[in-house]
Amino acid sequence: MTEHRKRRPTPLGDAVAAFLEQKGLTGRVEQASIIPEWPELVGPQIAAVTEPRSIAADGTLFVAVRTSAWMNELSLLEPELLTRINRRLPEHRVRKIRWHLMR
């Protein structure tokens, strides 16, 4: 007779983490975590007029802005914003921010 051992099911979070690690995607997922944390990183005033859309593998963050006036202001604030963002996740740096008008 063959003895069958019952294995406990792997928690879904552990299975997903193992898959991402195996495929080399863990860093990209960590990098993308900036998007839901955007309001905390930039503050409520900037968060109210912006919407982060995506982040490229090269570290370019794409952010939509409500008005061209805000886009100009945020371009001037970009070095400060990059410092705040990269303090949160230094191993997956955001290298630049591409601002574009919301449609």
PDB file of N, CA and C in Angstrom:
ATOM      1  N   MET A   1       0.822  -1.179   0.000  1.00  0.00           N
ATOM      2  CA  MET A   1       0.000   0.000   0.000  1.00  0.00           C
ATOM      3  C   MET A   1       0.867   1.244   0.000  1.00  0.00           C
ATOM      4  N   THR A   2       0.437   2.198  -0.755  1.00  0.00           N
ATOM      5  CA  THR A   2       1.155   3.460  -0.806  1.00  0.00           C
ATOM      6  C   THR A   2       0.606   4.393   0.257  1.00  0.00           C
ATOM      7  N   GLU A   3       1.524   4.998   0.946  1.00  0.00           N
ATOM      8  CA  GLU A   3       1.100   5.926   1.987  1.00  0.00           C
ATOM      9  C   GLU A   3       1.022   7.336   1.408  1.00  0.00           C
ATOM     10  N   HIS A   4      -0.121   7.940   1.517  1.00  0.00           N
ATOM     11  CA  HIS A   4      -0.310   9.314   1.040  1.00  0.00           C
ATOM     12  C   HIS A   4      -0.257  10.247   2.229  1.00  0.00           C
ATOM     13  N   ARG A   5       0.645  11.184   2.133  1.00  0.00           N
ATOM     14  CA  ARG A   5       0.719  12.181   3.193  1.00  0.00           C
ATOM     15  C   ARG A   5      -0.101  13.391   2.766  1.00  0.00           C
ATOM     16  N   LYS A   6      -0.815  13.884   3.693  1.00  0.00           N
ATOM     17  CA  LYS A   6      -1.596  15.087   3.406  1.00  0.00           C
ATOM     18  C   LYS A   6      -0.720  16.298   3.673  1.00  0.00           C
ATOM     19  N   ARG A   7      -0.592  17.111   2.655  1.00  0.00           N
ATOM     20  CA  ARG A   7       0.159  18.355   2.822  1.00  0.00           C
ATOM     21  C   ARG A   7      -0.830  19.479   3.082  1.00  0.00           C
ATOM     22  N   ARG A   8      -0.381  20.373   3.905  1.00  0.00           N
ATOM     23  CA  ARG A   8      -1.220  21.541   4.156  1.00  0.00           C
ATOM     24  C   ARG A   8      -1.186  22.435   2.918  1.00  0.00           C
ATOM     25  N   PRO A   9      -2.283  23.062   2.595  1.00  0.00           N
ATOM     26  CA  PRO A   9      -2.285  23.972   1.447  1.00  0.00           C
ATOM     27  C   PRO A   9      -1.355  25.162   1.709  1.00  0.00           C
ATOM     28  N   THR A  10      -0.728  25.616   0.665  1.00  0.00           N
ATOM     29  CA  THR A  10       0.137  26.788   0.761  1.00  0.00           C
ATOM     30  C   THR A  10      -0.748  28.029   0.758  1.00  0.00           C
ATOM     31  N   PRO A  11      -0.535  28.941   1.700  1.00  0.00           N
ATOM     32  CA  PRO A  11      -1.320  30.180   1.670  1.00  0.00           C
ATOM     33  C   PRO A  11      -1.123  30.901   0.327  1.00  0.00           C
ATOM     34  N   LEU A  12      -2.180  31.489  -0.174  1.00  0.00           N
ATOM     35  CA  LEU A  12      -2.151  32.138  -1.487  1.00  0.00           C
ATOM     36  C   LEU A  12      -1.067  33.209  -1.566  1.00  0.00           C
ATOM     37  N   GLY A  13      -0.929  34.013  -0.528  1.00  0.00           N
ATOM     38  CA  GLY A  13       0.096  35.062  -0.514  1.00  0.00           C
ATOM     39  C   GLY A  13       1.486  34.488  -0.673  1.00  0.00           C
ATOM     40  N   ASP A  14       1.751  33.356  -0.018  1.00  0.00           N
ATOM     41  CA  ASP A  14       3.060  32.711  -0.137  1.00  0.00           C
ATOM     42  C   ASP A  14       3.277  32.165  -1.544  1.00  0.00           C
ATOM     43  N   ALA A  15       2.234  31.606  -2.136  1.00  0.00           N
ATOM     44  CA  ALA A  15       2.346  31.059  -3.488  1.00  0.00           C
ATOM     45  C   ALA A  15       2.618  32.170  -4.499  1.00  0.00           C
ATOM     46  N   VAL A  16       1.914  33.295  -4.362  1.00  0.00           N
ATOM     47  CA  VAL A  16       2.122  34.429  -5.276  1.00  0.00           C
ATOM     48  C   VAL A  16       3.527  34.994  -5.098  1.00  0.00           C
ATOM     49  N   ALA A  17       3.963  35.153  -3.849  1.00  0.00           N
ATOM     50  CA  ALA A  17       5.313  35.676  -3.583  1.00  0.00           C
ATOM     51  C   ALA A  17       6.380  34.765  -4.185  1.00  0.00           C
ATOM     52  N   ALA A  18       6.203  33.460  -4.062  1.00  0.00           N
ATOM     53  CA  ALA A  18       7.170  32.511  -4.628  1.00  0.00           C
ATOM     54  C   ALA A  18       7.186  32.596  -6.151  1.00  0.00           C
ATOM     55  N   PHE A  19       6.008  32.727  -6.753  1.00  0.00           N
ATOM     56  CA  PHE A  19       5.915  32.850  -8.211  1.00  0.00           C
ATOM     57  C   PHE A  19       6.621  34.118  -8.686  1.00  0.00           C
ATOM     58  N   LEU A  20       6.342  35.251  -8.028  1.00  0.00           N
ATOM     59  CA  LEU A  20       6.968  36.517  -8.417  1.00  0.00           C
ATOM     60  C   LEU A  20       8.483  36.455  -8.275  1.00  0.00           C
ATOM     61  N   GLU A  21       8.941  35.831  -7.208  1.00  0.00           N
ATOM     62  CA  GLU A  21      10.379  35.678  -6.981  1.00  0.00           C
ATOM     63  C   GLU A  21      10.998  34.823  -8.083  1.00  0.00           C
ATOM     64  N   GLN A  22      10.341  33.721  -8.409  1.00  0.00           N
ATOM     65  CA  GLN A  22      10.841  32.806  -9.437  1.00  0.00           C
ATOM     66  C   GLN A  22      10.935  33.501 -10.799  1.00  0.00           C
ATOM     67  N   LYS A  23       9.976  34.365 -11.099  1.00  0.00           N
ATOM     68  CA  LYS A  23       9.940  35.050 -12.396  1.00  0.00           C
ATOM     69  C   LYS A  23      10.746  36.353 -12.400  1.00  0.00           C
ATOM     70  N   GLY A  24      11.333  36.705 -11.258  1.00  0.00           N
ATOM     71  CA  GLY A  24      12.135  37.916 -11.176  1.00  0.00           C
ATOM     72  C   GLY A  24      11.319  39.196 -11.167  1.00  0.00           C
ATOM     73  N   LEU A  25      10.093  39.125 -10.677  1.00  0.00           N
ATOM     74  CA  LEU A  25       9.191  40.281 -10.702  1.00  0.00           C
ATOM     75  C   LEU A  25       9.007  40.952  -9.352  1.00  0.00           C
ATOM     76  N   THR A  26       9.641  40.446  -8.326  1.00  0.00           N
ATOM     77  CA  THR A  26       9.448  40.998  -6.987  1.00  0.00           C
ATOM     78  C   THR A  26       9.802  42.482  -6.933  1.00  0.00           C
ATOM     79  N   GLY A  27      10.910  42.853  -7.527  1.00  0.00           N
ATOM     80  CA  GLY A  27      11.335  44.251  -7.533  1.00  0.00           C
ATOM     81  C   GLY A  27      10.351  45.164  -8.237  1.00  0.00           C
ATOM     82  N   ARG A  28       9.797  44.706  -9.349  1.00  0.00           N
ATOM     83  CA  ARG A  28       8.819  45.521 -10.091  1.00  0.00           C
ATOM     84  C   ARG A  28       7.551  45.725  -9.275  1.00  0.00           C
ATOM     85  N   VAL A  29       7.130  44.673  -8.567  1.00  0.00           N
ATOM     86  CA  VAL A  29       5.931  44.803  -7.734  1.00  0.00           C
ATOM     87  C   VAL A  29       6.200  45.788  -6.595  1.00  0.00           C
ATOM     88  N   GLU A  30       7.374  45.702  -5.989  1.00  0.00           N
ATOM     89  CA  GLU A  30       7.731  46.655  -4.932  1.00  0.00           C
ATOM     90  C   GLU A  30       7.792  48.069  -5.487  1.00  0.00           C
ATOM     91  N   GLN A  31       8.349  48.216  -6.672  1.00  0.00           N
ATOM     92  CA  GLN A  31       8.434  49.520  -7.313  1.00  0.00           C
ATOM     93  C   GLN A  31       7.032  50.081  -7.574  1.00  0.00           C
ATOM     94  N   ALA A  32       6.126  49.240  -8.021  1.00  0.00           N
ATOM     95  CA  ALA A  32       4.762  49.669  -8.324  1.00  0.00           C
ATOM     96  C   ALA A  32       3.968  50.020  -7.072  1.00  0.00           C
ATOM     97  N   SER A  33       4.442  49.598  -5.904  1.00  0.00           N
ATOM     98  CA  SER A  33       3.726  49.916  -4.663  1.00  0.00           C
ATOM     99  C   SER A  33       3.712  51.411  -4.393  1.00  0.00           C
ATOM    100  N   ILE A  34       4.521  52.160  -5.104  1.00  0.00           N
ATOM    101  CA  ILE A  34       4.527  53.617  -4.973  1.00  0.00           C
ATOM    102  C   ILE A  34       3.170  54.186  -5.386  1.00  0.00           C
ATOM    103  N   ILE A  35       2.525  53.584  -6.360  1.00  0.00           N
ATOM    104  CA  ILE A  35       1.278  54.131  -6.901  1.00  0.00           C
ATOM    105  C   ILE A  35       0.179  54.217  -5.840  1.00  0.00           C
ATOM    106  N   PRO A  36      -0.146  53.141  -5.115  1.00  0.00           N
ATOM    107  CA  PRO A  36      -1.194  53.302  -4.094  1.00  0.00           C
ATOM    108  C   PRO A  36      -0.753  54.162  -2.903  1.00  0.00           C
ATOM    109  N   GLU A  37       0.551  54.329  -2.712  1.00  0.00           N
ATOM    110  CA  GLU A  37       1.059  55.137  -1.604  1.00  0.00           C
ATOM    111  C   GLU A  37       1.257  56.603  -1.997  1.00  0.00           C
ATOM    112  N   TRP A  38       0.949  56.956  -3.225  1.00  0.00           N
ATOM    113  CA  TRP A  38       1.164  58.303  -3.740  1.00  0.00           C
ATOM    114  C   TRP A  38       0.625  59.403  -2.814  1.00  0.00           C
ATOM    115  N   PRO A  39      -0.640  59.343  -2.360  1.00  0.00           N
ATOM    116  CA  PRO A  39      -1.142  60.424  -1.499  1.00  0.00           C
ATOM    117  C   PRO A  39      -0.305  60.621  -0.230  1.00  0.00           C
ATOM    118  N   GLU A  40       0.126  59.544   0.358  1.00  0.00           N
ATOM    119  CA  GLU A  40       0.958  59.627   1.557  1.00  0.00           C
ATOM    120  C   GLU A  40       2.334  60.219   1.234  1.00  0.00           C
ATOM    121  N   LEU A  41       2.871  59.881   0.081  1.00  0.00           N
ATOM    122  CA  LEU A  41       4.203  60.340  -0.303  1.00  0.00           C
ATOM    123  C   LEU A  41       4.246  61.821  -0.677  1.00  0.00           C
ATOM    124  N   VAL A  42       3.205  62.310  -1.342  1.00  0.00           N
ATOM    125  CA  VAL A  42       3.237  63.683  -1.848  1.00  0.00           C
ATOM    126  C   VAL A  42       2.369  64.654  -1.056  1.00  0.00           C
ATOM    127  N   GLY A  43       1.500  64.147  -0.210  1.00  0.00           N
ATOM    128  CA  GLY A  43       0.623  65.014   0.570  1.00  0.00           C
ATOM    129  C   GLY A  43      -0.712  65.221  -0.104  1.00  0.00           C
ATOM    130  N   PRO A  44      -1.711  65.649   0.684  1.00  0.00           N
ATOM    131  CA  PRO A  44      -3.084  65.749   0.169  1.00  0.00           C
ATOM    132  C   PRO A  44      -3.286  66.790  -0.929  1.00  0.00           C
ATOM    133  N   GLN A  45      -2.579  67.913  -0.864  1.00  0.00           N
ATOM    134  CA  GLN A  45      -2.775  68.962  -1.867  1.00  0.00           C
ATOM    135  C   GLN A  45      -2.329  68.497  -3.254  1.00  0.00           C
ATOM    136  N   ILE A  46      -1.162  67.891  -3.339  1.00  0.00           N
ATOM    137  CA  ILE A  46      -0.665  67.400  -4.626  1.00  0.00           C
ATOM    138  C   ILE A  46      -1.472  66.180  -5.077  1.00  0.00           C
ATOM    139  N   ALA A  47      -1.805  65.313  -4.137  1.00  0.00           N
ATOM    140  CA  ALA A  47      -2.586  64.116  -4.477  1.00  0.00           C
ATOM    141  C   ALA A  47      -3.950  64.480  -5.058  1.00  0.00           C
ATOM    142  N   ALA A  48      -4.513  65.613  -4.631  1.00  0.00           N
ATOM    143  CA  ALA A  48      -5.834  66.029  -5.107  1.00  0.00           C
ATOM    144  C   ALA A  48      -5.820  66.437  -6.579  1.00  0.00           C
ATOM    145  N   VAL A  49      -4.657  66.807  -7.111  1.00  0.00           N
ATOM    146  CA  VAL A  49      -4.595  67.287  -8.494  1.00  0.00           C
ATOM    147  C   VAL A  49      -3.777  66.373  -9.401  1.00  0.00           C
ATOM    148  N   THR A  50      -3.382  65.218  -8.887  1.00  0.00           N
ATOM    149  CA  THR A  50      -2.565  64.288  -9.672  1.00  0.00           C
ATOM    150  C   THR A  50      -3.107  62.868  -9.564  1.00  0.00           C
ATOM    151  N   GLU A  51      -2.664  62.052 -10.500  1.00  0.00           N
ATOM    152  CA  GLU A  51      -3.011  60.630 -10.480  1.00  0.00           C
ATOM    153  C   GLU A  51      -1.840  59.843 -11.076  1.00  0.00           C
ATOM    154  N   PRO A  52      -1.113  59.091 -10.237  1.00  0.00           N
ATOM    155  CA  PRO A  52      -0.028  58.277 -10.796  1.00  0.00           C
ATOM    156  C   PRO A  52      -0.627  57.175 -11.656  1.00  0.00           C
ATOM    157  N   ARG A  53      -0.075  56.989 -12.846  1.00  0.00           N
ATOM    158  CA  ARG A  53      -0.646  56.022 -13.783  1.00  0.00           C
ATOM    159  C   ARG A  53       0.161  54.739 -13.876  1.00  0.00           C
ATOM    160  N   SER A  54       1.494  54.859 -13.960  1.00  0.00           N
ATOM    161  CA  SER A  54       2.329  53.664 -14.104  1.00  0.00           C
ATOM    162  C   SER A  54       3.773  54.009 -13.807  1.00  0.00           C
ATOM    163  N   ILE A  55       4.575  52.951 -13.678  1.00  0.00           N
ATOM    164  CA  ILE A  55       6.005  53.143 -13.504  1.00  0.00           C
ATOM    165  C   ILE A  55       6.725  52.158 -14.416  1.00  0.00           C
ATOM    166  N   ALA A  56       7.657  52.667 -15.191  1.00  0.00           N
ATOM    167  CA  ALA A  56       8.412  51.842 -16.139  1.00  0.00           C
ATOM    168  C   ALA A  56       9.569  51.153 -15.431  1.00  0.00           C
ATOM    169  N   ALA A  57      10.073  50.109 -16.038  1.00  0.00           N
ATOM    170  CA  ALA A  57      11.187  49.354 -15.461  1.00  0.00           C
ATOM    171  C   ALA A  57      12.429  50.213 -15.272  1.00  0.00           C
ATOM    172  N   ASP A  58      12.577  51.266 -16.087  1.00  0.00           N
ATOM    173  CA  ASP A  58      13.750  52.138 -15.960  1.00  0.00           C
ATOM    174  C   ASP A  58      13.618  53.161 -14.833  1.00  0.00           C
ATOM    175  N   GLY A  59      12.498  53.127 -14.094  1.00  0.00           N
ATOM    176  CA  GLY A  59      12.313  54.034 -12.971  1.00  0.00           C
ATOM    177  C   GLY A  59      11.594  55.324 -13.322  1.00  0.00           C
ATOM    178  N   THR A  60      10.955  55.385 -14.485  1.00  0.00           N
ATOM    179  CA  THR A  60      10.183  56.566 -14.864  1.00  0.00           C
ATOM    180  C   THR A  60       8.752  56.401 -14.363  1.00  0.00           C
ATOM    181  N   LEU A  61       8.314  57.355 -13.547  1.00  0.00           N
ATOM    182  CA  LEU A  61       6.953  57.363 -13.017  1.00  0.00           C
ATOM    183  C   LEU A  61       6.114  58.297 -13.874  1.00  0.00           C
ATOM    184  N   PHE A  62       4.980  57.819 -14.372  1.00  0.00           N
ATOM    185  CA  PHE A  62       4.081  58.607 -15.211  1.00  0.00           C
ATOM    186  C   PHE A  62       2.905  59.067 -14.358  1.00  0.00           C
ATOM    187  N   VAL A  63       2.721  60.394 -14.315  1.00  0.00           N
ATOM    188  CA  VAL A  63       1.700  60.981 -13.450  1.00  0.00           C
ATOM    189  C   VAL A  63       0.848  61.956 -14.254  1.00  0.00           C
ATOM    190  N   ALA A  64      -0.468  61.796 -14.178  1.00  0.00           N
ATOM    191  CA  ALA A  64      -1.397  62.718 -14.824  1.00  0.00           C
ATOM    192  C   ALA A  64      -1.684  63.877 -13.865  1.00  0.00           C
ATOM    193  N   VAL A  65      -1.804  65.080 -14.444  1.00  0.00           N
ATOM    194  CA  VAL A  65      -2.016  66.299 -13.662  1.00  0.00           C
ATOM    195  C   VAL A  65      -3.240  67.021 -14.216  1.00  0.00           C
ATOM    196  N   ARG A  66      -4.036  67.631 -13.327  1.00  0.00           N
ATOM    197  CA  ARG A  66      -5.285  68.272 -13.749  1.00  0.00           C
ATOM    198  C   ARG A  66      -5.099  69.506 -14.640  1.00  0.00           C
ATOM    199  N   THR A  67      -4.115  70.351 -14.346  1.00  0.00           N
ATOM    200  CA  THR A  67      -3.959  71.586 -15.118  1.00  0.00           C
ATOM    201  C   THR A  67      -2.493  71.799 -15.503  1.00  0.00           C
ATOM    202  N   SER A  68      -2.298  72.599 -16.530  1.00  0.00           N
ATOM    203  CA  SER A  68      -0.925  72.893 -16.942  1.00  0.00           C
ATOM    204  C   SER A  68      -0.209  73.745 -15.893  1.00  0.00           C
ATOM    205  N   ALA A  69      -0.941  74.591 -15.178  1.00  0.00           N
ATOM    206  CA  ALA A  69      -0.321  75.381 -14.110  1.00  0.00           C
ATOM    207  C   ALA A  69       0.259  74.466 -13.033  1.00  0.00           C
ATOM    208  N   TRP A  70      -0.512  73.456 -12.637  1.00  0.00           N
ATOM    209  CA  TRP A  70      -0.010  72.492 -11.654  1.00  0.00           C
ATOM    210  C   TRP A  70       1.149  71.695 -12.233  1.00  0.00           C
ATOM    211  N   MET A  71       1.073  71.369 -13.496  1.00  0.00           N
ATOM    212  CA  MET A  71       2.152  70.599 -14.115  1.00  0.00           C
ATOM    213  C   MET A  71       3.465  71.391 -14.064  1.00  0.00           C
ATOM    214  N   ASN A  72       3.395  72.687 -14.319  1.00  0.00           N
ATOM    215  CA  ASN A  72       4.587  73.534 -14.223  1.00  0.00           C
ATOM    216  C   ASN A  72       5.112  73.568 -12.791  1.00  0.00           C
ATOM    217  N   GLU A  73       4.226  73.752 -11.840  1.00  0.00           N
ATOM    218  CA  GLU A  73       4.625  73.793 -10.433  1.00  0.00           C
ATOM    219  C   GLU A  73       5.264  72.479 -10.006  1.00  0.00           C
ATOM    220  N   LEU A  74       4.666  71.372 -10.392  1.00  0.00           N
ATOM    221  CA  LEU A  74       5.193  70.059 -10.002  1.00  0.00           C
ATOM    222  C   LEU A  74       6.536  69.771 -10.674  1.00  0.00           C
ATOM    223  N   SER A  75       6.733  70.276 -11.865  1.00  0.00           N
ATOM    224  CA  SER A  75       8.034  70.110 -12.515  1.00  0.00           C
ATOM    225  C   SER A  75       9.132  70.760 -11.686  1.00  0.00           C
ATOM    226  N   LEU A  76       8.820  71.909 -11.090  1.00  0.00           N
ATOM    227  CA  LEU A  76       9.785  72.586 -10.231  1.00  0.00           C
ATOM    228  C   LEU A  76      10.015  71.833  -8.920  1.00  0.00           C
ATOM    229  N   LEU A  77       8.978  71.155  -8.452  1.00  0.00           N
ATOM    230  CA  LEU A  77       9.063  70.398  -7.195  1.00  0.00           C
ATOM    231  C   LEU A  77       9.604  68.982  -7.386  1.00  0.00           C
ATOM    232  N   GLU A  78       9.848  68.584  -8.617  1.00  0.00           N
ATOM    233  CA  GLU A  78      10.235  67.197  -8.894  1.00  0.00           C
ATOM    234  C   GLU A  78      11.432  66.705  -8.079  1.00  0.00           C
ATOM    235  N   PRO A  79      12.522  67.459  -7.946  1.00  0.00           N
ATOM    236  CA  PRO A  79      13.640  66.949  -7.135  1.00  0.00           C
ATOM    237  C   PRO A  79      13.232  66.621  -5.687  1.00  0.00           C
ATOM    238  N   GLU A  80      12.421  67.490  -5.104  1.00  0.00           N
ATOM    239  CA  GLU A  80      11.956  67.247  -3.731  1.00  0.00           C
ATOM    240  C   GLU A  80      11.042  66.016  -3.671  1.00  0.00           C
ATOM    241  N   LEU A  81      10.161  65.881  -4.651  1.00  0.00           N
ATOM    242  CA  LEU A  81       9.251  64.730  -4.682  1.00  0.00           C
ATOM    243  C   LEU A  81      10.028  63.433  -4.874  1.00  0.00           C
ATOM    244  N   LEU A  82      11.028  63.441  -5.741  1.00  0.00           N
ATOM    245  CA  LEU A  82      11.849  62.243  -5.950  1.00  0.00           C
ATOM    246  C   LEU A  82      12.570  61.843  -4.660  1.00  0.00           C
ATOM    247  N   THR A  83      13.039  62.823  -3.917  1.00  0.00           N
ATOM    248  CA  THR A  83      13.702  62.531  -2.645  1.00  0.00           C
ATOM    249  C   THR A  83      12.734  61.858  -1.683  1.00  0.00           C
ATOM    250  N   ARG A  84      11.516  62.393  -1.564  1.00  0.00           N
ATOM    251  CA  ARG A  84      10.504  61.790  -0.673  1.00  0.00           C
ATOM    252  C   ARG A  84      10.163  60.360  -1.097  1.00  0.00           C
ATOM    253  N   ILE A  85       9.935  60.192  -2.391  1.00  0.00           N
ATOM    254  CA  ILE A  85       9.548  58.877  -2.911  1.00  0.00           C
ATOM    255  C   ILE A  85      10.672  57.866  -2.690  1.00  0.00           C
ATOM    256  N   ASN A  86      11.891  58.251  -2.998  1.00  0.00           N
ATOM    257  CA  ASN A  86      13.008  57.316  -2.927  1.00  0.00           C
ATOM    258  C   ASN A  86      13.455  57.028  -1.504  1.00  0.00           C
ATOM    259  N   ARG A  87      13.079  57.861  -0.569  1.00  0.00           N
ATOM    260  CA  ARG A  87      13.318  57.553   0.832  1.00  0.00           C
ATOM    261  C   ARG A  87      12.477  56.339   1.249  1.00  0.00           C
ATOM    262  N   ARG A  88      11.321  56.217   0.664  1.00  0.00           N
ATOM    263  CA  ARG A  88      10.389  55.132   0.976  1.00  0.00           C
ATOM    264  C   ARG A  88      10.876  53.794   0.412  1.00  0.00           C
ATOM    265  N   LEU A  89      11.449  53.794  -0.786  1.00  0.00           N
ATOM    266  CA  LEU A  89      11.837  52.549  -1.440  1.00  0.00           C
ATOM    267  C   LEU A  89      13.168  52.739  -2.160  1.00  0.00           C
ATOM    268  N   PRO A  90      14.255  52.870  -1.411  1.00  0.00           N
ATOM    269  CA  PRO A  90      15.540  53.219  -2.037  1.00  0.00           C
ATOM    270  C   PRO A  90      16.103  52.174  -2.993  1.00  0.00           C
ATOM    271  N   GLU A  91      15.776  50.900  -2.808  1.00  0.00           N
ATOM    272  CA  GLU A  91      16.356  49.880  -3.680  1.00  0.00           C
ATOM    273  C   GLU A  91      15.704  49.819  -5.061  1.00  0.00           C
ATOM    274  N   HIS A  92      14.574  50.482  -5.229  1.00  0.00           N
ATOM    275  CA  HIS A  92      13.874  50.523  -6.532  1.00  0.00           C
ATOM    276  C   HIS A  92      13.572  51.975  -6.858  1.00  0.00           C
ATOM    277  N   ARG A  93      14.611  52.721  -7.087  1.00  0.00           N
ATOM    278  CA  ARG A  93      14.511  54.173  -7.235  1.00  0.00           C
ATOM    279  C   ARG A  93      13.643  54.611  -8.410  1.00  0.00           C
ATOM    280  N   VAL A  94      12.896  55.684  -8.155  1.00  0.00           N
ATOM    281  CA  VAL A  94      12.224  56.401  -9.228  1.00  0.00           C
ATOM    282  C   VAL A  94      13.237  57.419  -9.716  1.00  0.00           C
ATOM    283  N   ARG A  95      13.577  57.358 -10.985  1.00  0.00           N
ATOM    284  CA  ARG A  95      14.639  58.210 -11.527  1.00  0.00           C
ATOM    285  C   ARG A  95      14.111  59.534 -12.073  1.00  0.00           C
ATOM    286  N   LYS A  96      12.887  59.505 -12.585  1.00  0.00           N
ATOM    287  CA  LYS A  96      12.293  60.742 -13.094  1.00  0.00           C
ATOM    288  C   LYS A  96      10.778  60.602 -13.108  1.00  0.00           C
ATOM    289  N   ILE A  97      10.126  61.736 -13.186  1.00  0.00           N
ATOM    290  CA  ILE A  97       8.667  61.768 -13.253  1.00  0.00           C
ATOM    291  C   ILE A  97       8.286  62.433 -14.565  1.00  0.00           C
ATOM    292  N   ARG A  98       7.411  61.786 -15.301  1.00  0.00           N
ATOM    293  CA  ARG A  98       6.879  62.346 -16.544  1.00  0.00           C
ATOM    294  C   ARG A  98       5.462  62.828 -16.236  1.00  0.00           C
ATOM    295  N   TRP A  99       5.274  64.132 -16.315  1.00  0.00           N
ATOM    296  CA  TRP A  99       3.979  64.735 -16.039  1.00  0.00           C
ATOM    297  C   TRP A  99       3.219  64.881 -17.362  1.00  0.00           C
ATOM    298  N   HIS A 100       1.925  64.594 -17.342  1.00  0.00           N
ATOM    299  CA  HIS A 100       1.097  64.833 -18.529  1.00  0.00           C
ATOM    300  C   HIS A 100      -0.296  65.228 -18.065  1.00  0.00           C
ATOM    301  N   LEU A 101      -0.986  65.980 -18.907  1.00  0.00           N
ATOM    302  CA  LEU A 101      -2.313  66.473 -18.559  1.00  0.00           C
ATOM    303  C   LEU A 101      -3.337  65.337 -18.563  1.00  0.00           C
ATOM    304  N   MET A 102      -4.248  65.399 -17.584  1.00  0.00           N
ATOM    305  CA  MET A 102      -5.350  64.423 -17.542  1.00  0.00           C
ATOM    306  C   MET A 102      -6.266  64.678 -18.729  1.00  0.00           C
ATOM    307  N   ARG A 103      -6.876  63.607 -19.184  1.00  0.00           N
ATOM    308  CA  ARG A 103      -7.828  63.719 -20.287  1.00  0.00           C
ATOM    309  C   ARG A 103      -9.193  63.332 -19.834  1.00  0.00           C
TER     310      ARG A 103
END
